[in-house]
């Protein structure tokens, strides 16, 4: 899994601001995975959120 700094994420988003991406997006939504591998992780996000909500600070 990869985490991105604000600058890294901004750079990846700006890479999509080109003529080719604009033309492609005019026909269909762009499908871009910026999850850093989280999309493929076998995590139960609802369970993790519930556990985090119940954890004392």
C-alpha atoms as a PDB file:
ATOM      1  CA  UNK A   1       0.000   0.000   0.000  1.00  0.00           C
ATOM      2  CA  UNK A   2       1.222   3.490  -0.814  1.00  0.00           C
ATOM      3  CA  UNK A   3       0.374   6.745   0.880  1.00  0.00           C
ATOM      4  CA  UNK A   4       0.836  10.036  -0.919  1.00  0.00           C
ATOM      5  CA  UNK A   5       1.813  13.453   0.311  1.00  0.00           C
ATOM      6  CA  UNK A   6      -0.369  16.395  -0.619  1.00  0.00           C
ATOM      7  CA  UNK A   7       2.161  17.399  -3.276  1.00  0.00           C
ATOM      8  CA  UNK A   8       2.309  13.882  -4.730  1.00  0.00           C
ATOM      9  CA  UNK A   9      -1.486  13.625  -4.975  1.00  0.00           C
ATOM     10  CA  UNK A  10      -1.700  17.093  -6.498  1.00  0.00           C
ATOM     11  CA  UNK A  11       0.890  16.100  -9.082  1.00  0.00           C
ATOM     12  CA  UNK A  12      -1.023  12.939  -9.998  1.00  0.00           C
ATOM     13  CA  UNK A  13      -4.245  14.917 -10.371  1.00  0.00           C
ATOM     14  CA  UNK A  14      -2.540  17.576 -12.469  1.00  0.00           C
ATOM     15  CA  UNK A  15      -1.209  14.878 -14.798  1.00  0.00           C
ATOM     16  CA  UNK A  16      -4.853  14.305 -15.744  1.00  0.00           C
ATOM     17  CA  UNK A  17      -5.254  17.955 -16.767  1.00  0.00           C
ATOM     18  CA  UNK A  18      -3.988  17.508 -20.306  1.00  0.00           C
ATOM     19  CA  UNK A  19      -5.595  17.631 -23.726  1.00  0.00           C
ATOM     20  CA  UNK A  20      -5.773  13.841 -24.044  1.00  0.00           C
ATOM     21  CA  UNK A  21      -7.555  13.403 -20.707  1.00  0.00           C
ATOM     22  CA  UNK A  22      -9.950  16.233 -21.494  1.00  0.00           C
ATOM     23  CA  UNK A  23     -10.807  14.660 -24.854  1.00  0.00           C
ATOM     24  CA  UNK A  24     -11.264  11.217 -23.302  1.00  0.00           C
ATOM     25  CA  UNK A  25     -13.449  12.636 -20.506  1.00  0.00           C
ATOM     26  CA  UNK A  26     -15.710  14.232 -23.101  1.00  0.00           C
ATOM     27  CA  UNK A  27     -16.738  10.710 -24.155  1.00  0.00           C
ATOM     28  CA  UNK A  28     -16.722   8.824 -20.855  1.00  0.00           C
ATOM     29  CA  UNK A  29     -15.625   9.275 -17.255  1.00  0.00           C
ATOM     30  CA  UNK A  30     -11.921   8.742 -16.695  1.00  0.00           C
ATOM     31  CA  UNK A  31     -11.156   5.632 -14.688  1.00  0.00           C
ATOM     32  CA  UNK A  32      -8.091   6.376 -12.600  1.00  0.00           C
ATOM     33  CA  UNK A  33      -6.965   4.462  -9.520  1.00  0.00           C
ATOM     34  CA  UNK A  34      -5.430   6.849  -7.006  1.00  0.00           C
ATOM     35  CA  UNK A  35      -5.972   4.547  -4.019  1.00  0.00           C
ATOM     36  CA  UNK A  36      -2.338   3.522  -3.612  1.00  0.00           C
ATOM     37  CA  UNK A  37      -3.389  -0.125  -3.451  1.00  0.00           C
ATOM     38  CA  UNK A  38      -6.225   0.326  -0.957  1.00  0.00           C
ATOM     39  CA  UNK A  39      -8.760  -0.670  -3.614  1.00  0.00           C
ATOM     40  CA  UNK A  40      -7.241  -4.167  -3.716  1.00  0.00           C
ATOM     41  CA  UNK A  41      -6.825  -4.561   0.051  1.00  0.00           C
ATOM     42  CA  UNK A  42      -9.117  -7.020   1.757  1.00  0.00           C
ATOM     43  CA  UNK A  43     -10.378  -4.606   4.407  1.00  0.00           C
ATOM     44  CA  UNK A  44     -13.783  -4.249   5.982  1.00  0.00           C
ATOM     45  CA  UNK A  45     -13.914  -0.459   6.069  1.00  0.00           C
ATOM     46  CA  UNK A  46     -17.225  -0.380   7.970  1.00  0.00           C
ATOM     47  CA  UNK A  47     -15.752  -2.604  10.686  1.00  0.00           C
ATOM     48  CA  UNK A  48     -12.589  -0.508  10.897  1.00  0.00           C
ATOM     49  CA  UNK A  49     -14.633   2.691  11.153  1.00  0.00           C
ATOM     50  CA  UNK A  50     -16.798   1.219  13.910  1.00  0.00           C
ATOM     51  CA  UNK A  51     -13.737   0.091  15.866  1.00  0.00           C
ATOM     52  CA  UNK A  52     -12.092   3.504  15.462  1.00  0.00           C
ATOM     53  CA  UNK A  53     -15.271   5.254  16.621  1.00  0.00           C
ATOM     54  CA  UNK A  54     -15.335   3.153  19.792  1.00  0.00           C
ATOM     55  CA  UNK A  55     -11.646   3.585  20.587  1.00  0.00           C
ATOM     56  CA  UNK A  56     -10.952   6.046  23.416  1.00  0.00           C
ATOM     57  CA  UNK A  57      -8.789   9.028  22.515  1.00  0.00           C
END
